[in-house]
Structure formats: C-alpha cells, structure tokens
Amino acid sequence: MRRLYLLLIIPLLSGCFPISALTPFASATPTATETPTPTVIWFPPTETPTTAPMVVPSPTPELRPGVGGLLFSDDFDLPTDWTLTETETGSISVANHELTAALSRARGYLYSVREGALFTNFYAEITASPSLCSGFDEYGMLIRYQSPGNFYRFSLSCNGQVRLDRLVDGAASSPQPWMATTSVPSAAPSVSRLGVWAVGRDMRFFVNDQYQFSISDRSLPSGALGVFVRSGGANAVTVSFSDLIVYKIAP
C-alpha cells in the first residue's frame, strides 16, 4: 500500500516544480584569462638624421705663384763660373757636373758664389748631396748675395732641421731659427732638392718640394746665388751640389 502511495505522489510533485529546479547545478567552467603577448618590432623606427651641410674644401693656396719659363740654368760644367777655394780648412772644386765643398777642420766654413748672374724675382732649385755629414753640420744656399757681409743663407742641418740667416752690413740675425722638419734627411749620404721663391720682400723656402717657411724682408732686394757648408763639430763635412735651375716669375 505504501509503495503504491509513493508511486502516485512523485509524479504529482514533479509537476509542481520547474524542471530546472530538479536539475543539479552544473559547475561553472572557469574562463581562462589570456595575457597579451607583446608585439616584437623587429625594425623599430629611428629618427630621420639631419643632413649635415656640405663642406666645400678650400683650395690649397699656391705657394709658388707666377713661376714661368726657364730663366737660367747651370749644370756645373765650367769651374770658372764659380768662386773656388783651396785652404787648410778645406776646398771647393767643380768636376763631373758637380760642385763639391769639403771641410776637414772643426768649425770650418766654405762658400761659393755663381759669377755673372744676379736675380731679383725668381724661383730657384738646386740639388744638395751630403756624403759626410752629422749633427749640426750645415749646408745649403746663399740667396741675394751682394757681398761677404750681405746675403741670406738657407741652411739644412744633418740632424733634420732648417733655418734662415741674414747678414746685412755684417750684422747677423735669424729671421727663421732652427726648425725641425721631416723633409730633410737626418743621415748621410742623402739627396735633397732645395727651392727658394723670391718676389720683392717675400721669400718662401722648400725642401724636396715641401713648403717649410716664409719670411718678409726688404733688406736685400737682389743679388747672386751661391752654396755653402759649415762644420758644427769635429768631423769632416763633404757636400756636393748640382743641377741649378732658375725660373722666371710672371708679373
């Protein structure tokens, strides 16, 4: 009887409640929270570089302006064109197209001047070849030579320096004191090409086609060309000179 009662009442109760009330609660499925992946920028933008202004290089100034045609040359084939010397100190001789100045004593000095040629405005070159030379032994050119007490002396030392001396009425000075340079060989035997550009009061000096220095001086406006050697110590000095060339200066 009890069993029959339960069978009759269960259908009645199921009709009094919504179906959802009898359905067990489903467990909520958790929603996964996604962490955004950063975007990789393989080629990040860069600032546009500012264009640098174009620098136009200044032209190298012409250090020997106006050099023109050949004015004079001497290949040292005539000994009578130069003042020659033979003393106890040393000697100057011309042979085999060279003038050779040889000093045998300490602190000696020899020079020779080209006879019969005077120059005012010019560019001159001569080759100097020391074979015995060391330390402060000197050799070089005499410029605008007028007398033993009036001339300029362009000196190269055997330890790689240059300078310019000036004698005016016997008073000596150095418009350009000793200056070190890589253009002058510091050993012998060696060969160097000396150059002098002289226009009016301005003179510029070169060794092996490399500019060395300038002076401005109106003391001696013209004169002859010559060469010299001087011993700065106790050793012998021998230097040969060749291939003297003088060019005109265009007005």
C-alpha atoms as a PDB file:
ATOM      1  CA  MET A   1       0.000   0.000   0.000  1.00  0.00           C
ATOM      2  CA  ARG A   2       2.913   2.387   0.945  1.00  0.00           C
ATOM      3  CA  ARG A   3       4.673   1.631  -2.238  1.00  0.00           C
ATOM      4  CA  LEU A   4       1.580   2.438  -4.248  1.00  0.00           C
ATOM      5  CA  TYR A   5       1.262   5.762  -2.475  1.00  0.00           C
ATOM      6  CA  LEU A   6       4.835   6.805  -3.402  1.00  0.00           C
ATOM      7  CA  LEU A   7       4.300   5.889  -6.981  1.00  0.00           C
ATOM      8  CA  LEU A   8       1.234   8.147  -7.111  1.00  0.00           C
ATOM      9  CA  ILE A   9       2.667  11.176  -5.285  1.00  0.00           C
ATOM     10  CA  ILE A  10       6.067  11.531  -7.065  1.00  0.00           C
ATOM     11  CA  PRO A  11       4.503  12.353 -10.452  1.00  0.00           C
ATOM     12  CA  LEU A  12       2.307  14.946  -8.719  1.00  0.00           C
ATOM     13  CA  LEU A  13       5.290  16.633  -7.056  1.00  0.00           C
ATOM     14  CA  SER A  14       7.348  16.688 -10.249  1.00  0.00           C
ATOM     15  CA  GLY A  15       4.604  18.700 -11.884  1.00  0.00           C
ATOM     16  CA  CYS A  16       4.675  21.402  -9.157  1.00  0.00           C
ATOM     17  CA  PHE A  17       8.384  22.476  -9.750  1.00  0.00           C
ATOM     18  CA  PRO A  18      10.148  23.683 -12.854  1.00  0.00           C
ATOM     19  CA  ILE A  19      12.424  21.216 -14.471  1.00  0.00           C
ATOM     20  CA  SER A  20      15.423  23.459 -13.780  1.00  0.00           C
ATOM     21  CA  ALA A  21      14.867  23.136 -10.043  1.00  0.00           C
ATOM     22  CA  LEU A  22      15.294  19.413 -10.261  1.00  0.00           C
ATOM     23  CA  THR A  23      18.441  19.655 -12.443  1.00  0.00           C
ATOM     24  CA  PRO A  24      21.630  19.526 -10.451  1.00  0.00           C
ATOM     25  CA  PHE A  25      23.722  22.780 -10.622  1.00  0.00           C
ATOM     26  CA  ALA A  26      26.423  22.420 -13.231  1.00  0.00           C
ATOM     27  CA  SER A  27      29.834  23.588 -12.036  1.00  0.00           C
ATOM     28  CA  ALA A  28      30.905  26.805 -13.744  1.00  0.00           C
ATOM     29  CA  THR A  29      33.728  26.371 -16.221  1.00  0.00           C
ATOM     30  CA  PRO A  30      36.421  28.921 -15.390  1.00  0.00           C
ATOM     31  CA  THR A  31      37.256  31.332 -18.215  1.00  0.00           C
ATOM     32  CA  ALA A  32      40.982  31.455 -18.955  1.00  0.00           C
ATOM     33  CA  THR A  33      42.493  34.956 -18.752  1.00  0.00           C
ATOM     34  CA  GLU A  34      44.844  35.488 -21.680  1.00  0.00           C
ATOM     35  CA  THR A  35      47.939  37.646 -21.123  1.00  0.00           C
ATOM     36  CA  PRO A  36      48.518  39.699 -24.255  1.00  0.00           C
ATOM     37  CA  THR A  37      51.779  38.812 -25.989  1.00  0.00           C
ATOM     38  CA  PRO A  38      53.834  41.904 -26.685  1.00  0.00           C
ATOM     39  CA  THR A  39      54.366  42.579 -30.369  1.00  0.00           C
ATOM     40  CA  VAL A  40      58.018  42.309 -31.365  1.00  0.00           C
ATOM     41  CA  ILE A  41      59.132  45.241 -33.516  1.00  0.00           C
ATOM     42  CA  TRP A  42      61.998  43.898 -35.491  1.00  0.00           C
ATOM     43  CA  PHE A  43      62.867  47.208 -37.209  1.00  0.00           C
ATOM     44  CA  PRO A  44      61.964  49.991 -34.774  1.00  0.00           C
ATOM     45  CA  PRO A  45      61.557  53.405 -36.331  1.00  0.00           C
ATOM     46  CA  THR A  46      64.514  55.755 -35.940  1.00  0.00           C
ATOM     47  CA  GLU A  47      64.753  59.483 -36.096  1.00  0.00           C
ATOM     48  CA  THR A  48      65.460  60.849 -39.518  1.00  0.00           C
ATOM     49  CA  PRO A  49      69.064  62.067 -39.409  1.00  0.00           C
ATOM     50  CA  THR A  50      69.633  65.717 -40.033  1.00  0.00           C
ATOM     51  CA  THR A  51      71.629  66.185 -43.211  1.00  0.00           C
ATOM     52  CA  ALA A  52      74.925  67.853 -42.449  1.00  0.00           C
ATOM     53  CA  PRO A  53      75.736  70.841 -44.567  1.00  0.00           C
ATOM     54  CA  MET A  54      78.182  70.090 -47.354  1.00  0.00           C
ATOM     55  CA  VAL A  55      81.659  71.386 -46.608  1.00  0.00           C
ATOM     56  CA  VAL A  56      83.444  72.619 -49.685  1.00  0.00           C
ATOM     57  CA  PRO A  57      87.202  72.230 -49.130  1.00  0.00           C
ATOM     58  CA  SER A  58      89.220  75.355 -49.627  1.00  0.00           C
ATOM     59  CA  PRO A  59      91.747  75.080 -52.440  1.00  0.00           C
ATOM     60  CA  THR A  60      95.347  74.726 -51.344  1.00  0.00           C
ATOM     61  CA  PRO A  61      96.944  78.124 -51.758  1.00  0.00           C
ATOM     62  CA  GLU A  62      99.540  78.364 -54.499  1.00  0.00           C
ATOM     63  CA  LEU A  63     102.808  78.803 -52.662  1.00  0.00           C
ATOM     64  CA  ARG A  64     104.859  79.452 -55.781  1.00  0.00           C
ATOM     65  CA  PRO A  65     102.608  81.741 -57.833  1.00  0.00           C
ATOM     66  CA  GLY A  66     103.758  83.131 -61.129  1.00  0.00           C
ATOM     67  CA  VAL A  67     106.536  80.616 -61.800  1.00  0.00           C
ATOM     68  CA  GLY A  68     107.100  80.761 -65.528  1.00  0.00           C
ATOM     69  CA  GLY A  69     109.678  79.715 -68.070  1.00  0.00           C
ATOM     70  CA  LEU A  70     113.334  78.932 -67.604  1.00  0.00           C
ATOM     71  CA  LEU A  71     115.461  81.985 -66.769  1.00  0.00           C
ATOM     72  CA  PHE A  72     118.834  80.408 -66.023  1.00  0.00           C
ATOM     73  CA  SER A  73     120.467  77.027 -65.525  1.00  0.00           C
ATOM     74  CA  ASP A  74     123.873  75.681 -64.583  1.00  0.00           C
ATOM     75  CA  ASP A  75     124.953  72.065 -64.787  1.00  0.00           C
ATOM     76  CA  PHE A  76     128.379  72.792 -63.248  1.00  0.00           C
ATOM     77  CA  ASP A  77     130.419  72.076 -66.325  1.00  0.00           C
ATOM     78  CA  LEU A  78     132.602  75.236 -66.133  1.00  0.00           C
ATOM     79  CA  PRO A  79     134.728  75.665 -62.996  1.00  0.00           C
ATOM     80  CA  THR A  80     135.356  79.311 -63.878  1.00  0.00           C
ATOM     81  CA  ASP A  81     131.673  80.173 -63.270  1.00  0.00           C
ATOM     82  CA  TRP A  82     132.065  79.654 -59.510  1.00  0.00           C
ATOM     83  CA  THR A  83     134.391  81.020 -56.840  1.00  0.00           C
ATOM     84  CA  LEU A  84     136.710  78.149 -55.948  1.00  0.00           C
ATOM     85  CA  THR A  85     138.744  77.734 -52.759  1.00  0.00           C
ATOM     86  CA  GLU A  86     141.550  75.549 -51.500  1.00  0.00           C
ATOM     87  CA  THR A  87     142.871  76.191 -47.999  1.00  0.00           C
ATOM     88  CA  GLU A  88     143.998  74.287 -44.939  1.00  0.00           C
ATOM     89  CA  THR A  89     140.363  74.271 -43.809  1.00  0.00           C
ATOM     90  CA  GLY A  90     139.030  72.625 -46.941  1.00  0.00           C
ATOM     91  CA  SER A  91     138.349  73.045 -50.636  1.00  0.00           C
ATOM     92  CA  ILE A  92     135.683  73.786 -53.218  1.00  0.00           C
ATOM     93  CA  SER A  93     136.020  72.225 -56.663  1.00  0.00           C
ATOM     94  CA  VAL A  94     133.912  71.674 -59.777  1.00  0.00           C
ATOM     95  CA  ALA A  95     134.073  68.348 -61.637  1.00  0.00           C
ATOM     96  CA  ASN A  96     131.726  65.800 -63.195  1.00  0.00           C
ATOM     97  CA  HIS A  97     128.859  68.316 -63.275  1.00  0.00           C
ATOM     98  CA  GLU A  98     129.011  68.885 -59.518  1.00  0.00           C
ATOM     99  CA  LEU A  99     130.429  71.475 -57.164  1.00  0.00           C
ATOM    100  CA  THR A 100     131.898  69.736 -54.119  1.00  0.00           C
ATOM    101  CA  ALA A 101     132.657  71.516 -50.853  1.00  0.00           C
ATOM    102  CA  ALA A 102     134.833  69.530 -48.440  1.00  0.00           C
ATOM    103  CA  LEU A 103     135.753  70.633 -44.912  1.00  0.00           C
ATOM    104  CA  SER A 104     138.496  68.872 -42.990  1.00  0.00           C
ATOM    105  CA  ARG A 105     138.573  71.006 -39.839  1.00  0.00           C
ATOM    106  CA  ALA A 106     136.159  71.509 -36.983  1.00  0.00           C
ATOM    107  CA  ARG A 107     134.052  74.667 -37.066  1.00  0.00           C
ATOM    108  CA  GLY A 108     135.078  75.350 -40.637  1.00  0.00           C
ATOM    109  CA  TYR A 109     133.062  77.293 -43.211  1.00  0.00           C
ATOM    110  CA  LEU A 110     133.214  77.365 -47.005  1.00  0.00           C
ATOM    111  CA  TYR A 111     131.046  79.044 -49.631  1.00  0.00           C
ATOM    112  CA  SER A 112     130.967  79.620 -53.371  1.00  0.00           C
ATOM    113  CA  VAL A 113     129.008  82.128 -55.486  1.00  0.00           C
ATOM    114  CA  ARG A 114     127.852  81.870 -59.090  1.00  0.00           C
ATOM    115  CA  GLU A 115     129.631  84.555 -61.051  1.00  0.00           C
ATOM    116  CA  GLY A 116     127.966  86.866 -63.567  1.00  0.00           C
ATOM    117  CA  ALA A 117     124.293  86.247 -62.713  1.00  0.00           C
ATOM    118  CA  LEU A 118     122.142  88.488 -60.500  1.00  0.00           C
ATOM    119  CA  PHE A 119     118.488  87.804 -59.689  1.00  0.00           C
ATOM    120  CA  THR A 120     115.632  89.862 -58.265  1.00  0.00           C
ATOM    121  CA  ASN A 121     112.343  87.952 -58.609  1.00  0.00           C
ATOM    122  CA  PHE A 122     112.785  84.238 -59.253  1.00  0.00           C
ATOM    123  CA  TYR A 123     112.176  80.647 -58.249  1.00  0.00           C
ATOM    124  CA  ALA A 124     115.405  78.642 -57.915  1.00  0.00           C
ATOM    125  CA  GLU A 125     116.173  74.995 -57.186  1.00  0.00           C
ATOM    126  CA  ILE A 126     119.418  73.144 -56.567  1.00  0.00           C
ATOM    127  CA  THR A 127     120.261  69.570 -55.525  1.00  0.00           C
ATOM    128  CA  ALA A 128     122.412  69.045 -52.432  1.00  0.00           C
ATOM    129  CA  SER A 129     124.012  65.653 -51.729  1.00  0.00           C
ATOM    130  CA  PRO A 130     125.869  65.344 -48.399  1.00  0.00           C
ATOM    131  CA  SER A 131     128.205  62.355 -48.237  1.00  0.00           C
ATOM    132  CA  LEU A 132     129.911  63.178 -44.915  1.00  0.00           C
ATOM    133  CA  CYS A 133     127.578  64.985 -42.546  1.00  0.00           C
ATOM    134  CA  SER A 134     126.253  64.618 -38.988  1.00  0.00           C
ATOM    135  CA  GLY A 135     124.622  66.515 -36.146  1.00  0.00           C
ATOM    136  CA  PHE A 136     124.607  70.289 -36.594  1.00  0.00           C
ATOM    137  CA  ASP A 137     126.809  70.267 -39.676  1.00  0.00           C
ATOM    138  CA  GLU A 138     125.118  72.551 -42.214  1.00  0.00           C
ATOM    139  CA  TYR A 139     124.802  73.016 -45.941  1.00  0.00           C
ATOM    140  CA  GLY A 140     122.551  74.988 -48.262  1.00  0.00           C
ATOM    141  CA  MET A 141     122.025  78.037 -50.470  1.00  0.00           C
ATOM    142  CA  LEU A 142     123.128  81.648 -50.428  1.00  0.00           C
ATOM    143  CA  ILE A 143     120.374  83.932 -51.746  1.00  0.00           C
ATOM    144  CA  ARG A 144     120.595  87.532 -52.998  1.00  0.00           C
ATOM    145  CA  TYR A 145     124.285  87.527 -52.259  1.00  0.00           C
ATOM    146  CA  GLN A 146     125.769  91.028 -52.667  1.00  0.00           C
ATOM    147  CA  SER A 147     128.997  90.814 -50.653  1.00  0.00           C
ATOM    148  CA  PRO A 148     130.540  88.717 -47.840  1.00  0.00           C
ATOM    149  CA  GLY A 149     128.507  90.789 -45.362  1.00  0.00           C
ATOM    150  CA  ASN A 150     125.187  90.985 -47.255  1.00  0.00           C
ATOM    151  CA  PHE A 151     123.176  87.864 -48.102  1.00  0.00           C
ATOM    152  CA  TYR A 152     120.543  85.383 -46.933  1.00  0.00           C
ATOM    153  CA  ARG A 153     121.594  81.820 -46.052  1.00  0.00           C
ATOM    154  CA  PHE A 154     119.111  78.940 -46.290  1.00  0.00           C
ATOM    155  CA  SER A 155     120.501  76.136 -44.082  1.00  0.00           C
ATOM    156  CA  LEU A 156     119.776  72.432 -43.751  1.00  0.00           C
ATOM    157  CA  SER A 157     121.335  70.590 -40.813  1.00  0.00           C
ATOM    158  CA  CYS A 158     122.424  66.984 -40.836  1.00  0.00           C
ATOM    159  CA  ASN A 159     120.073  66.166 -37.957  1.00  0.00           C
ATOM    160  CA  GLY A 160     116.943  67.140 -39.918  1.00  0.00           C
ATOM    161  CA  GLN A 161     116.350  70.869 -39.333  1.00  0.00           C
ATOM    162  CA  VAL A 162     116.104  74.056 -41.398  1.00  0.00           C
ATOM    163  CA  ARG A 163     116.683  77.746 -40.734  1.00  0.00           C
ATOM    164  CA  LEU A 164     117.356  81.088 -42.429  1.00  0.00           C
ATOM    165  CA  ASP A 165     120.149  83.506 -41.525  1.00  0.00           C
ATOM    166  CA  ARG A 166     120.505  87.083 -42.738  1.00  0.00           C
ATOM    167  CA  LEU A 167     123.656  89.178 -42.903  1.00  0.00           C
ATOM    168  CA  VAL A 168     123.179  92.902 -43.567  1.00  0.00           C
ATOM    169  CA  ASP A 169     126.263  95.099 -43.360  1.00  0.00           C
ATOM    170  CA  GLY A 170     127.934  92.293 -41.438  1.00  0.00           C
ATOM    171  CA  ALA A 171     125.228  92.107 -38.748  1.00  0.00           C
ATOM    172  CA  ALA A 172     123.827  88.574 -38.445  1.00  0.00           C
ATOM    173  CA  SER A 173     120.275  87.578 -37.486  1.00  0.00           C
ATOM    174  CA  SER A 174     117.970  84.588 -37.973  1.00  0.00           C
ATOM    175  CA  PRO A 175     114.548  85.500 -39.408  1.00  0.00           C
ATOM    176  CA  GLN A 176     113.735  81.788 -39.103  1.00  0.00           C
ATOM    177  CA  PRO A 177     115.526  79.955 -36.216  1.00  0.00           C
ATOM    178  CA  TRP A 178     116.199  76.235 -36.340  1.00  0.00           C
ATOM    179  CA  MET A 179     113.011  74.307 -37.077  1.00  0.00           C
ATOM    180  CA  ALA A 180     112.646  70.518 -37.165  1.00  0.00           C
ATOM    181  CA  THR A 181     111.227  69.065 -40.371  1.00  0.00           C
ATOM    182  CA  THR A 182     110.608  65.610 -41.798  1.00  0.00           C
ATOM    183  CA  SER A 183     111.583  66.877 -45.260  1.00  0.00           C
ATOM    184  CA  VAL A 184     115.316  66.902 -44.519  1.00  0.00           C
ATOM    185  CA  PRO A 185     117.146  63.553 -44.280  1.00  0.00           C
ATOM    186  CA  SER A 186     118.870  63.113 -40.921  1.00  0.00           C
ATOM    187  CA  ALA A 187     121.628  60.878 -42.222  1.00  0.00           C
ATOM    188  CA  ALA A 188     124.268  60.845 -44.924  1.00  0.00           C
ATOM    189  CA  PRO A 189     124.671  60.007 -47.713  1.00  0.00           C
ATOM    190  CA  SER A 190     121.408  61.572 -48.855  1.00  0.00           C
ATOM    191  CA  VAL A 191     119.955  63.812 -51.561  1.00  0.00           C
ATOM    192  CA  SER A 192     117.678  66.843 -51.156  1.00  0.00           C
ATOM    193  CA  ARG A 193     116.246  69.363 -53.586  1.00  0.00           C
ATOM    194  CA  LEU A 194     116.251  72.905 -52.187  1.00  0.00           C
ATOM    195  CA  GLY A 195     113.862  75.551 -53.521  1.00  0.00           C
ATOM    196  CA  VAL A 196     113.504  79.312 -52.985  1.00  0.00           C
ATOM    197  CA  TRP A 197     110.655  81.502 -54.285  1.00  0.00           C
ATOM    198  CA  ALA A 198     111.592  85.188 -54.019  1.00  0.00           C
ATOM    199  CA  VAL A 199     109.363  88.064 -55.138  1.00  0.00           C
ATOM    200  CA  GLY A 200     110.032  91.533 -53.777  1.00  0.00           C
ATOM    201  CA  ARG A 201     110.240  91.364 -49.998  1.00  0.00           C
ATOM    202  CA  ASP A 202     108.590  87.914 -49.778  1.00  0.00           C
ATOM    203  CA  MET A 203     110.530  84.652 -49.805  1.00  0.00           C
ATOM    204  CA  ARG A 204     109.306  81.082 -49.390  1.00  0.00           C
ATOM    205  CA  PHE A 205     111.502  78.071 -48.812  1.00  0.00           C
ATOM    206  CA  PHE A 206     111.085  74.439 -49.858  1.00  0.00           C
ATOM    207  CA  VAL A 207     112.877  71.115 -49.353  1.00  0.00           C
ATOM    208  CA  ASN A 208     112.091  68.159 -51.601  1.00  0.00           C
ATOM    209  CA  ASP A 209     109.082  70.062 -52.950  1.00  0.00           C
ATOM    210  CA  GLN A 210     107.669  70.518 -49.433  1.00  0.00           C
ATOM    211  CA  TYR A 211     106.976  74.017 -48.120  1.00  0.00           C
ATOM    212  CA  GLN A 212     108.999  74.902 -44.992  1.00  0.00           C
ATOM    213  CA  PHE A 213     108.516  78.574 -44.042  1.00  0.00           C
ATOM    214  CA  SER A 214     108.229  82.152 -45.312  1.00  0.00           C
ATOM    215  CA  ILE A 215     109.778  85.494 -44.453  1.00  0.00           C
ATOM    216  CA  SER A 216     109.051  89.066 -45.479  1.00  0.00           C
ATOM    217  CA  ASP A 217     112.108  91.306 -45.570  1.00  0.00           C
ATOM    218  CA  ARG A 218     113.173  94.141 -47.864  1.00  0.00           C
ATOM    219  CA  SER A 219     116.806  94.381 -46.756  1.00  0.00           C
ATOM    220  CA  LEU A 220     118.317  92.720 -49.839  1.00  0.00           C
ATOM    221  CA  PRO A 221     116.133  93.036 -52.959  1.00  0.00           C
ATOM    222  CA  SER A 222     118.505  91.298 -55.391  1.00  0.00           C
ATOM    223  CA  GLY A 223     121.822  89.506 -55.703  1.00  0.00           C
ATOM    224  CA  ALA A 224     123.616  86.342 -56.781  1.00  0.00           C
ATOM    225  CA  LEU A 225     123.094  82.712 -55.821  1.00  0.00           C
ATOM    226  CA  GLY A 226     125.620  80.538 -54.047  1.00  0.00           C
ATOM    227  CA  VAL A 227     126.170  77.453 -51.875  1.00  0.00           C
ATOM    228  CA  PHE A 228     127.925  76.783 -48.562  1.00  0.00           C
ATOM    229  CA  VAL A 229     128.907  74.149 -45.994  1.00  0.00           C
ATOM    230  CA  ARG A 230     129.731  74.598 -42.309  1.00  0.00           C
ATOM    231  CA  SER A 231     131.031  72.128 -39.742  1.00  0.00           C
ATOM    232  CA  GLY A 232     129.146  72.095 -36.465  1.00  0.00           C
ATOM    233  CA  GLY A 233     131.511  69.691 -34.746  1.00  0.00           C
ATOM    234  CA  ALA A 234     134.880  67.990 -35.066  1.00  0.00           C
ATOM    235  CA  ASN A 235     134.046  65.733 -38.010  1.00  0.00           C
ATOM    236  CA  ALA A 236     134.771  66.293 -41.694  1.00  0.00           C
ATOM    237  CA  VAL A 237     131.914  67.513 -43.889  1.00  0.00           C
ATOM    238  CA  THR A 238     131.515  66.912 -47.617  1.00  0.00           C
ATOM    239  CA  VAL A 239     128.547  68.046 -49.702  1.00  0.00           C
ATOM    240  CA  SER A 240     128.076  68.122 -53.479  1.00  0.00           C
ATOM    241  CA  PHE A 241     125.736  70.479 -55.360  1.00  0.00           C
ATOM    242  CA  SER A 242     124.277  70.011 -58.835  1.00  0.00           C
ATOM    243  CA  ASP A 243     121.544  70.964 -61.300  1.00  0.00           C
ATOM    244  CA  LEU A 244     120.880  74.635 -60.541  1.00  0.00           C
ATOM    245  CA  ILE A 245     117.727  75.893 -62.288  1.00  0.00           C
ATOM    246  CA  VAL A 246     116.178  79.375 -62.028  1.00  0.00           C
ATOM    247  CA  TYR A 247     112.668  80.185 -63.326  1.00  0.00           C
ATOM    248  CA  LYS A 248     111.074  83.487 -64.213  1.00  0.00           C
ATOM    249  CA  ILE A 249     108.267  84.970 -62.161  1.00  0.00           C
ATOM    250  CA  ALA A 250     105.410  86.246 -64.291  1.00  0.00           C
ATOM    251  CA  PRO A 251     104.278  89.807 -63.471  1.00  0.00           C
END
